Amino acid sequence: ITDVSVTFNKLPTSYTCQIHVHASRDL
């Protein structure tokens, strides 16, 4: 796996988590 990014964001009443996995050149 090339790289992974995990981003958290605090909203007024909740939290979000976005995960992006760069598994290969094409996926």
Full PDB file with SEQRES, HELIX, SHEET, SSBOND, CRYST1, ORIGX, SCALE, CONECT and MASTER records, all heavy atoms in Angstrom:
SEQRES   1 A   27  ILE THR ASP VAL SER VAL THR PHE ASN LYS LEU PRO THR          
SEQRES   2 A   27  SER TYR THR CYS GLN ILE HIS VAL HIS ALA SER ARG ASP          
SEQRES   3 A   27  LEU                                                          
SHEET    1 AA1 2 ASP A   3  LYS A  10  0                                        
SHEET    2 AA1 2 TYR A  15  HIS A  22 -1                                        
CRYST1    1.000    1.000    1.000  90.00  90.00  90.00 P 1           1          
ORIGX1      1.000000  0.000000  0.000000        0.00000                         
ORIGX2      0.000000  1.000000  0.000000        0.00000                         
ORIGX3      0.000000  0.000000  1.000000        0.00000                         
SCALE1      1.000000  0.000000  0.000000        0.00000                         
SCALE2      0.000000  1.000000  0.000000        0.00000                         
SCALE3      0.000000  0.000000  1.000000        0.00000                         
ATOM      1  N   ILE A   1       0.846  -1.186   0.000  1.00  0.00           N  
ATOM      2  CA  ILE A   1       0.000   0.000   0.000  1.00  0.00           C  
ATOM      3  C   ILE A   1       0.883   1.239   0.000  1.00  0.00           C  
ATOM      4  O   ILE A   1       1.823   1.348   0.796  1.00  0.00           O  
ATOM      5  CB  ILE A   1      -0.932   0.006   1.221  1.00  0.00           C  
ATOM      6  CG1 ILE A   1      -1.989  -1.102   1.054  1.00  0.00           C  
ATOM      7  CG2 ILE A   1      -1.607   1.367   1.397  1.00  0.00           C  
ATOM      8  CD1 ILE A   1      -2.947  -1.212   2.206  1.00  0.00           C  
ATOM      9  N   THR A   2       0.592   2.175  -0.895  1.00  0.00           N  
ATOM     10  CA  THR A   2       1.402   3.382  -1.017  1.00  0.00           C  
ATOM     11  C   THR A   2       1.259   4.270   0.212  1.00  0.00           C  
ATOM     12  O   THR A   2       2.241   4.604   0.872  1.00  0.00           O  
ATOM     13  CB  THR A   2       1.008   4.176  -2.272  1.00  0.00           C  
ATOM     14  OG1 THR A   2       1.060   3.303  -3.402  1.00  0.00           O  
ATOM     15  CG2 THR A   2       1.934   5.345  -2.502  1.00  0.00           C  
ATOM     16  N   ASP A   3       0.033   4.673   0.513  1.00  0.00           N  
ATOM     17  CA  ASP A   3      -0.187   5.509   1.682  1.00  0.00           C  
ATOM     18  C   ASP A   3      -1.652   5.484   2.086  1.00  0.00           C  
ATOM     19  O   ASP A   3      -2.524   5.104   1.298  1.00  0.00           O  
ATOM     20  CB  ASP A   3       0.263   6.957   1.424  1.00  0.00           C  
ATOM     21  CG  ASP A   3      -0.475   7.586   0.259  1.00  0.00           C  
ATOM     22  OD1 ASP A   3      -1.638   7.977   0.439  1.00  0.00           O  
ATOM     23  OD2 ASP A   3       0.104   7.673  -0.839  1.00  0.00           O  
ATOM     24  N   VAL A   4      -1.894   5.898   3.320  1.00  0.00           N  
ATOM     25  CA  VAL A   4      -3.246   5.964   3.874  1.00  0.00           C  
ATOM     26  C   VAL A   4      -3.390   7.296   4.597  1.00  0.00           C  
ATOM     27  O   VAL A   4      -2.483   7.730   5.304  1.00  0.00           O  
ATOM     28  CB  VAL A   4      -3.510   4.820   4.881  1.00  0.00           C  
ATOM     29  CG1 VAL A   4      -4.919   4.926   5.459  1.00  0.00           C  
ATOM     30  CG2 VAL A   4      -3.295   3.462   4.237  1.00  0.00           C  
ATOM     31  N   SER A   5      -4.516   7.958   4.396  1.00  0.00           N  
ATOM     32  CA  SER A   5      -4.797   9.180   5.149  1.00  0.00           C  
ATOM     33  C   SER A   5      -6.102   9.008   5.917  1.00  0.00           C  
ATOM     34  O   SER A   5      -7.073   8.460   5.393  1.00  0.00           O  
ATOM     35  CB  SER A   5      -4.878  10.397   4.226  1.00  0.00           C  
ATOM     36  OG  SER A   5      -5.997  10.299   3.367  1.00  0.00           O  
ATOM     37  N   VAL A   6      -6.092   9.450   7.167  1.00  0.00           N  
ATOM     38  CA  VAL A   6      -7.273   9.397   8.031  1.00  0.00           C  
ATOM     39  C   VAL A   6      -7.511  10.814   8.540  1.00  0.00           C  
ATOM     40  O   VAL A   6      -6.641  11.395   9.188  1.00  0.00           O  
ATOM     41  CB  VAL A   6      -7.071   8.438   9.217  1.00  0.00           C  
ATOM     42  CG1 VAL A   6      -8.347   8.356  10.055  1.00  0.00           C  
ATOM     43  CG2 VAL A   6      -6.668   7.052   8.727  1.00  0.00           C  
ATOM     44  N   THR A   7      -8.674  11.364   8.229  1.00  0.00           N  
ATOM     45  CA  THR A   7      -8.963  12.752   8.595  1.00  0.00           C  
ATOM     46  C   THR A   7     -10.225  12.829   9.457  1.00  0.00           C  
ATOM     47  O   THR A   7     -11.288  12.347   9.056  1.00  0.00           O  
ATOM     48  CB  THR A   7      -9.155  13.623   7.339  1.00  0.00           C  
ATOM     49  OG1 THR A   7      -7.994  13.519   6.513  1.00  0.00           O  
ATOM     50  CG2 THR A   7      -9.373  15.078   7.713  1.00  0.00           C  
ATOM     51  N   PHE A   8     -10.077  13.434  10.622  1.00  0.00           N  
ATOM     52  CA  PHE A   8     -11.205  13.630  11.530  1.00  0.00           C  
ATOM     53  C   PHE A   8     -11.631  15.089  11.494  1.00  0.00           C  
ATOM     54  O   PHE A   8     -10.806  15.991  11.398  1.00  0.00           O  
ATOM     55  CB  PHE A   8     -10.815  13.257  12.965  1.00  0.00           C  
ATOM     56  CG  PHE A   8     -10.529  11.799  13.172  1.00  0.00           C  
ATOM     57  CD1 PHE A   8      -9.236  11.309  13.050  1.00  0.00           C  
ATOM     58  CD2 PHE A   8     -11.554  10.916  13.487  1.00  0.00           C  
ATOM     59  CE1 PHE A   8      -8.962   9.969  13.239  1.00  0.00           C  
ATOM     60  CE2 PHE A   8     -11.288   9.571  13.683  1.00  0.00           C  
ATOM     61  CZ  PHE A   8      -9.993   9.093  13.558  1.00  0.00           C  
ATOM     62  N   ASN A   9     -12.936  15.299  11.598  1.00  0.00           N  
ATOM     63  CA  ASN A   9     -13.468  16.657  11.620  1.00  0.00           C  
ATOM     64  C   ASN A   9     -14.546  16.756  12.693  1.00  0.00           C  
ATOM     65  O   ASN A   9     -15.402  15.871  12.804  1.00  0.00           O  
ATOM     66  CB  ASN A   9     -14.046  17.035  10.260  1.00  0.00           C  
ATOM     67  CG  ASN A   9     -14.362  18.517  10.162  1.00  0.00           C  
ATOM     68  OD1 ASN A   9     -13.874  19.324  10.955  1.00  0.00           O  
ATOM     69  ND2 ASN A   9     -15.182  18.883   9.198  1.00  0.00           N  
ATOM     70  N   LYS A  10     -14.477  17.805  13.489  1.00  0.00           N  
ATOM     71  CA  LYS A  10     -15.469  18.012  14.541  1.00  0.00           C  
ATOM     72  C   LYS A  10     -16.574  18.913  14.028  1.00  0.00           C  
ATOM     73  O   LYS A  10     -16.333  20.050  13.639  1.00  0.00           O  
ATOM     74  CB  LYS A  10     -14.811  18.628  15.777  1.00  0.00           C  
ATOM     75  CG  LYS A  10     -15.757  18.779  16.954  1.00  0.00           C  
ATOM     76  CD  LYS A  10     -15.044  19.340  18.172  1.00  0.00           C  
ATOM     77  CE  LYS A  10     -15.995  19.472  19.357  1.00  0.00           C  
ATOM     78  NZ  LYS A  10     -15.321  20.025  20.554  1.00  0.00           N  
ATOM     79  N   LEU A  11     -17.798  18.409  14.042  1.00  0.00           N  
ATOM     80  CA  LEU A  11     -18.970  19.181  13.650  1.00  0.00           C  
ATOM     81  C   LEU A  11     -19.703  19.639  14.912  1.00  0.00           C  
ATOM     82  O   LEU A  11     -19.353  19.218  16.016  1.00  0.00           O  
ATOM     83  CB  LEU A  11     -19.877  18.319  12.767  1.00  0.00           C  
ATOM     84  CG  LEU A  11     -19.221  17.746  11.494  1.00  0.00           C  
ATOM     85  CD1 LEU A  11     -20.204  16.862  10.759  1.00  0.00           C  
ATOM     86  CD2 LEU A  11     -18.702  18.862  10.603  1.00  0.00           C  
ATOM     87  N   PRO A  12     -20.718  20.479  14.768  1.00  0.00           N  
ATOM     88  CA  PRO A  12     -21.420  20.976  15.964  1.00  0.00           C  
ATOM     89  C   PRO A  12     -21.953  19.881  16.883  1.00  0.00           C  
ATOM     90  O   PRO A  12     -21.879  20.000  18.111  1.00  0.00           O  
ATOM     91  CB  PRO A  12     -22.560  21.805  15.361  1.00  0.00           C  
ATOM     92  CG  PRO A  12     -22.013  22.291  14.059  1.00  0.00           C  
ATOM     93  CD  PRO A  12     -21.180  21.150  13.552  1.00  0.00           C  
ATOM     94  N   THR A  13     -22.478  18.805  16.308  1.00  0.00           N  
ATOM     95  CA  THR A  13     -23.078  17.760  17.151  1.00  0.00           C  
ATOM     96  C   THR A  13     -22.510  16.367  16.887  1.00  0.00           C  
ATOM     97  O   THR A  13     -23.036  15.382  17.406  1.00  0.00           O  
ATOM     98  CB  THR A  13     -24.612  17.718  16.938  1.00  0.00           C  
ATOM     99  OG1 THR A  13     -24.884  17.448  15.550  1.00  0.00           O  
ATOM    100  CG2 THR A  13     -25.244  19.035  17.338  1.00  0.00           C  
ATOM    101  N   SER A  14     -21.476  16.269  16.066  1.00  0.00           N  
ATOM    102  CA  SER A  14     -20.941  14.943  15.742  1.00  0.00           C  
ATOM    103  C   SER A  14     -19.509  15.058  15.237  1.00  0.00           C  
ATOM    104  O   SER A  14     -18.952  16.151  15.139  1.00  0.00           O  
ATOM    105  CB  SER A  14     -21.813  14.263  14.682  1.00  0.00           C  
ATOM    106  OG  SER A  14     -21.804  15.021  13.477  1.00  0.00           O  
ATOM    107  N   TYR A  15     -18.927  13.891  14.910  1.00  0.00           N  
ATOM    108  CA  TYR A  15     -17.586  13.815  14.343  1.00  0.00           C  
ATOM    109  C   TYR A  15     -17.652  13.022  13.043  1.00  0.00           C  
ATOM    110  O   TYR A  15     -18.473  12.109  12.906  1.00  0.00           O  
ATOM    111  CB  TYR A  15     -16.626  13.100  15.299  1.00  0.00           C  
ATOM    112  CG  TYR A  15     -16.389  13.818  16.600  1.00  0.00           C  
ATOM    113  CD1 TYR A  15     -17.212  13.588  17.699  1.00  0.00           C  
ATOM    114  CD2 TYR A  15     -15.345  14.731  16.732  1.00  0.00           C  
ATOM    115  CE1 TYR A  15     -16.998  14.249  18.902  1.00  0.00           C  
ATOM    116  CE2 TYR A  15     -15.120  15.394  17.937  1.00  0.00           C  
ATOM    117  CZ  TYR A  15     -15.945  15.139  19.015  1.00  0.00           C  
ATOM    118  OH  TYR A  15     -15.729  15.793  20.202  1.00  0.00           O  
ATOM    119  N   THR A  16     -16.800  13.381  12.100  1.00  0.00           N  
ATOM    120  CA  THR A  16     -16.682  12.597  10.876  1.00  0.00           C  
ATOM    121  C   THR A  16     -15.263  12.054  10.768  1.00  0.00           C  
ATOM    122  O   THR A  16     -14.306  12.671  11.254  1.00  0.00           O  
ATOM    123  CB  THR A  16     -16.981  13.426   9.611  1.00  0.00           C  
ATOM    124  OG1 THR A  16     -16.009  14.478   9.494  1.00  0.00           O  
ATOM    125  CG2 THR A  16     -18.380  14.008   9.660  1.00  0.00           C  
ATOM    126  N   CYS A  17     -15.144  10.907  10.128  1.00  0.00           N  
ATOM    127  CA  CYS A  17     -13.839  10.299   9.871  1.00  0.00           C  
ATOM    128  C   CYS A  17     -13.795   9.859   8.413  1.00  0.00           C  
ATOM    129  O   CYS A  17     -14.655   9.086   7.969  1.00  0.00           O  
ATOM    130  CB  CYS A  17     -13.618   9.089  10.781  1.00  0.00           C  
ATOM    131  SG  CYS A  17     -12.101   8.166  10.407  1.00  0.00           S  
ATOM    132  N   GLN A  18     -12.833  10.371   7.671  1.00  0.00           N  
ATOM    133  CA  GLN A  18     -12.647   9.985   6.269  1.00  0.00           C  
ATOM    134  C   GLN A  18     -11.349   9.198   6.151  1.00  0.00           C  
ATOM    135  O   GLN A  18     -10.306   9.651   6.611  1.00  0.00           O  
ATOM    136  CB  GLN A  18     -12.583  11.213   5.366  1.00  0.00           C  
ATOM    137  CG  GLN A  18     -13.880  11.995   5.308  1.00  0.00           C  
ATOM    138  CD  GLN A  18     -13.783  13.201   4.378  1.00  0.00           C  
ATOM    139  OE1 GLN A  18     -12.691  13.654   4.044  1.00  0.00           O  
ATOM    140  NE2 GLN A  18     -14.927  13.723   3.966  1.00  0.00           N  
ATOM    141  N   ILE A  19     -11.445   8.027   5.543  1.00  0.00           N  
ATOM    142  CA  ILE A  19     -10.274   7.179   5.324  1.00  0.00           C  
ATOM    143  C   ILE A  19     -10.058   7.029   3.832  1.00  0.00           C  
ATOM    144  O   ILE A  19     -10.992   6.703   3.089  1.00  0.00           O  
ATOM    145  CB  ILE A  19     -10.454   5.787   5.962  1.00  0.00           C  
ATOM    146  CG1 ILE A  19     -10.716   5.914   7.464  1.00  0.00           C  
ATOM    147  CG2 ILE A  19      -9.218   4.918   5.712  1.00  0.00           C  
ATOM    148  CD1 ILE A  19     -11.018   4.583   8.138  1.00  0.00           C  
ATOM    149  N   HIS A  20      -8.836   7.280   3.392  1.00  0.00           N  
ATOM    150  CA  HIS A  20      -8.482   7.118   1.981  1.00  0.00           C  
ATOM    151  C   HIS A  20      -7.247   6.239   1.896  1.00  0.00           C  
ATOM    152  O   HIS A  20      -6.195   6.608   2.405  1.00  0.00           O  
ATOM    153  CB  HIS A  20      -8.219   8.469   1.315  1.00  0.00           C  
ATOM    154  CG  HIS A  20      -7.930   8.345  -0.145  1.00  0.00           C  
ATOM    155  ND1 HIS A  20      -6.734   8.694  -0.702  1.00  0.00           N  
ATOM    156  CD2 HIS A  20      -8.694   7.885  -1.176  1.00  0.00           C  
ATOM    157  CE1 HIS A  20      -6.763   8.466  -2.008  1.00  0.00           C  
ATOM    158  NE2 HIS A  20      -7.933   7.974  -2.314  1.00  0.00           N  
ATOM    159  N   VAL A  21      -7.401   5.082   1.264  1.00  0.00           N  
ATOM    160  CA  VAL A  21      -6.306   4.129   1.110  1.00  0.00           C  
ATOM    161  C   VAL A  21      -5.867   4.119  -0.347  1.00  0.00           C  
ATOM    162  O   VAL A  21      -6.656   3.797  -1.238  1.00  0.00           O  
ATOM    163  CB  VAL A  21      -6.731   2.699   1.524  1.00  0.00           C  
ATOM    164  CG1 VAL A  21      -5.562   1.723   1.378  1.00  0.00           C  
ATOM    165  CG2 VAL A  21      -7.257   2.692   2.949  1.00  0.00           C  
ATOM    166  N   HIS A  22      -4.611   4.478  -0.597  1.00  0.00           N  
ATOM    167  CA  HIS A  22      -4.047   4.409  -1.946  1.00  0.00           C  
ATOM    168  C   HIS A  22      -3.386   3.037  -2.053  1.00  0.00           C  
ATOM    169  O   HIS A  22      -2.204   2.866  -1.756  1.00  0.00           O  
ATOM    170  CB  HIS A  22      -3.036   5.527  -2.154  1.00  0.00           C  
ATOM    171  CG  HIS A  22      -2.594   5.669  -3.563  1.00  0.00           C  
ATOM    172  ND1 HIS A  22      -1.562   6.490  -3.949  1.00  0.00           N  
ATOM    173  CD2 HIS A  22      -3.049   5.088  -4.714  1.00  0.00           C  
ATOM    174  CE1 HIS A  22      -1.390   6.405  -5.254  1.00  0.00           C  
ATOM    175  NE2 HIS A  22      -2.278   5.557  -5.734  1.00  0.00           N  
ATOM    176  N   ALA A  23      -4.178   2.044  -2.468  1.00  0.00           N  
ATOM    177  CA  ALA A  23      -3.725   0.653  -2.427  1.00  0.00           C  
ATOM    178  C   ALA A  23      -2.700   0.328  -3.508  1.00  0.00           C  
ATOM    179  O   ALA A  23      -1.816  -0.502  -3.305  1.00  0.00           O  
ATOM    180  CB  ALA A  23      -4.922  -0.292  -2.553  1.00  0.00           C  
ATOM    181  N   SER A  24      -2.822   0.960  -4.655  1.00  0.00           N  
ATOM    182  CA  SER A  24      -1.899   0.728  -5.766  1.00  0.00           C  
ATOM    183  C   SER A  24      -2.072   1.854  -6.763  1.00  0.00           C  
ATOM    184  O   SER A  24      -2.905   2.756  -6.565  1.00  0.00           O  
ATOM    185  CB  SER A  24      -2.170  -0.626  -6.443  1.00  0.00           C  
ATOM    186  OG  SER A  24      -3.466  -0.646  -7.020  1.00  0.00           O  
ATOM    187  N   ARG A  25      -1.328   1.817  -7.864  1.00  0.00           N  
ATOM    188  CA  ARG A  25      -1.434   2.878  -8.862  1.00  0.00           C  
ATOM    189  C   ARG A  25      -2.860   3.014  -9.385  1.00  0.00           C  
ATOM    190  O   ARG A  25      -3.337   4.119  -9.645  1.00  0.00           O  
ATOM    191  CB  ARG A  25      -0.495   2.596 -10.046  1.00  0.00           C  
ATOM    192  CG  ARG A  25      -0.506   3.712 -11.098  1.00  0.00           C  
ATOM    193  CD  ARG A  25      -0.010   3.235 -12.434  1.00  0.00           C  
ATOM    194  NE  ARG A  25      -0.855   2.218 -13.010  1.00  0.00           N  
ATOM    195  CZ  ARG A  25      -2.040   2.444 -13.596  1.00  0.00           C  
ATOM    196  NH1 ARG A  25      -2.531   3.667 -13.651  1.00  0.00           N  
ATOM    197  NH2 ARG A  25      -2.749   1.458 -14.105  1.00  0.00           N  
ATOM    198  N   ASP A  26      -3.555   1.899  -9.513  1.00  0.00           N  
ATOM    199  CA  ASP A  26      -4.865   1.927 -10.163  1.00  0.00           C  
ATOM    200  C   ASP A  26      -6.047   1.705  -9.223  1.00  0.00           C  
ATOM    201  O   ASP A  26      -7.177   1.598  -9.675  1.00  0.00           O  
ATOM    202  CB  ASP A  26      -4.904   0.862 -11.275  1.00  0.00           C  
ATOM    203  CG  ASP A  26      -4.872  -0.557 -10.710  1.00  0.00           C  
ATOM    204  OD1 ASP A  26      -4.246  -0.752  -9.651  1.00  0.00           O  
ATOM    205  OD2 ASP A  26      -5.468  -1.458 -11.313  1.00  0.00           O  
ATOM    206  N   LEU A  27      -5.801   1.637  -7.912  1.00  0.00           N  
ATOM    207  CA  LEU A  27      -6.914   1.331  -7.012  1.00  0.00           C  
ATOM    208  C   LEU A  27      -6.840   2.141  -5.722  1.00  0.00           C  
ATOM    209  O   LEU A  27      -5.846   2.093  -5.005  1.00  0.00           O  
ATOM    210  CB  LEU A  27      -6.928  -0.159  -6.664  1.00  0.00           C  
ATOM    211  CG  LEU A  27      -8.077  -0.621  -5.753  1.00  0.00           C  
ATOM    212  CD1 LEU A  27      -9.424  -0.368  -6.431  1.00  0.00           C  
ATOM    213  CD2 LEU A  27      -7.925  -2.098  -5.417  1.00  0.00           C  
TER     214      LEU A  27                                                      
MASTER        0    0    0    0    2    0    0    6  213    1    0    3          
END                                                                             
